[in-house]
Amino acid sequence: EQILNWCDDPQPRARRIDDRVAGDGLELPFDSTRDGVTVYDLLVHALGKTLEKFTAYDVLQVSKCLTHGGWTRMPQCRVKGTARRVRLYVRPGVTL
């Protein structure tokens, strides 16, 4: 329930002292919108997990929750202006 509620209004959370980001940037990556979310954003911003504490089980559970909620998994795409690639899950009834 927390996951799908966050998807209605995805918001980034503030960086904590225990967050470690590749390149040690000041901002945590955030690529989600109301129409498309990433599993990474859900784990970090909605559930408060740190990168070191991600498990394959966490990713699978979030993915299953989104799929059960009617969200569609899209192919990986590059984030504009970066070398990062993300996989979005798209809200039911939305096409990107």
Protein backbone atom coordinates (compact mmCIF):
# COMPACT_ATOMS: atom_id res chain seq x y z
CA GLU A 1 0.00 0.00 0.00
CA GLN A 2 2.83 2.41 0.84
CA ILE A 3 4.37 1.76 -2.57
CA LEU A 4 1.25 2.47 -4.61
CA ASN A 5 0.38 5.51 -2.48
CA TRP A 6 3.85 6.98 -3.12
CA CYS A 7 3.37 6.38 -6.86
CA ASP A 8 0.40 8.78 -6.84
CA ASP A 9 2.74 11.63 -5.87
CA PRO A 10 6.39 10.55 -6.13
CA GLN A 11 8.69 12.83 -4.15
CA PRO A 12 12.44 12.54 -3.57
CA ARG A 13 13.62 12.25 0.00
CA ALA A 14 16.50 14.22 1.46
CA ARG A 15 19.92 12.61 1.38
CA ARG A 16 20.96 11.04 4.67
CA ILE A 17 24.44 10.69 6.09
CA ASP A 18 24.44 6.92 5.43
CA ASP A 19 23.59 7.30 1.72
CA ARG A 20 26.45 6.45 -0.61
CA VAL A 21 26.07 7.45 -4.23
CA ALA A 22 28.38 6.60 -7.11
CA GLY A 23 30.50 9.70 -7.67
CA ASP A 24 29.35 10.95 -4.28
CA GLY A 25 27.00 13.51 -5.80
CA LEU A 26 25.00 15.74 -3.51
CA GLU A 27 21.64 14.58 -4.83
CA LEU A 28 20.21 11.08 -4.84
CA PRO A 29 19.18 10.13 -8.39
CA PHE A 30 15.43 10.58 -8.89
CA ASP A 31 13.78 9.70 -12.20
CA SER A 32 10.16 8.99 -11.27
CA THR A 33 7.09 10.95 -12.29
CA ARG A 34 3.41 10.40 -11.63
CA ASP A 35 3.14 8.38 -14.87
CA GLY A 36 6.36 6.35 -14.60
CA VAL A 37 8.39 5.15 -11.61
CA THR A 38 11.59 3.17 -11.11
CA VAL A 39 12.16 0.38 -8.61
CA TYR A 40 15.31 2.22 -7.45
CA ASP A 41 13.27 5.35 -6.64
CA LEU A 42 10.68 3.32 -4.78
CA LEU A 43 13.29 1.56 -2.66
CA VAL A 44 15.31 4.70 -1.91
CA HIS A 45 12.71 7.47 -1.78
CA ALA A 46 9.49 5.70 -0.78
CA LEU A 47 10.85 2.98 1.50
CA GLY A 48 14.04 4.68 2.72
CA LYS A 49 16.47 1.86 1.83
CA THR A 50 20.15 2.64 1.25
CA LEU A 51 22.01 1.28 -1.77
CA GLU A 52 24.04 -1.13 0.35
CA LYS A 53 20.89 -2.68 1.77
CA PHE A 54 19.14 -3.46 -1.54
CA THR A 55 18.56 -7.15 -2.09
CA ALA A 56 17.28 -9.04 -5.13
CA TYR A 57 14.27 -9.93 -2.98
CA ASP A 58 13.50 -6.22 -2.39
CA VAL A 59 13.62 -5.49 -6.12
CA LEU A 60 11.42 -8.50 -6.89
CA GLN A 61 8.84 -7.57 -4.25
CA VAL A 62 8.54 -3.97 -5.49
CA SER A 63 8.30 -5.21 -9.07
CA LYS A 64 5.55 -7.68 -8.13
CA CYS A 65 3.65 -4.97 -6.26
CA LEU A 66 3.72 -2.64 -9.27
CA THR A 67 2.70 -5.41 -11.67
CA HIS A 68 -0.13 -6.45 -9.36
CA GLY A 69 -1.26 -2.81 -9.29
CA GLY A 70 -1.53 -2.82 -13.09
CA TRP A 71 1.73 -0.98 -13.85
CA THR A 72 3.58 -2.03 -17.04
CA ARG A 73 7.32 -2.70 -17.12
CA MET A 74 9.02 -0.83 -19.97
CA PRO A 75 12.36 -1.55 -21.66
CA GLN A 76 15.44 0.16 -20.25
CA CYS A 77 16.08 3.68 -21.51
CA ARG A 78 18.87 6.21 -21.07
CA VAL A 79 18.30 9.18 -18.76
CA LYS A 80 18.65 12.32 -20.87
CA GLY A 81 21.96 14.08 -20.29
CA THR A 82 23.56 11.20 -18.37
CA ALA A 83 25.07 7.78 -18.96
CA ARG A 84 22.56 6.19 -16.55
CA ARG A 85 19.93 3.75 -17.75
CA VAL A 86 16.62 3.15 -15.98
CA ARG A 87 13.65 0.86 -16.35
CA LEU A 88 10.33 2.57 -15.81
CA TYR A 89 7.09 1.04 -14.71
CA VAL A 90 4.22 2.93 -16.33
CA ARG A 91 0.88 3.70 -14.69
CA PRO A 92 -2.17 1.83 -16.06
CA GLY A 93 -3.67 3.63 -19.06
CA VAL A 94 -0.53 5.67 -19.80
CA THR A 95 1.72 5.19 -22.83
CA LEU A 96 5.20 6.67 -23.08
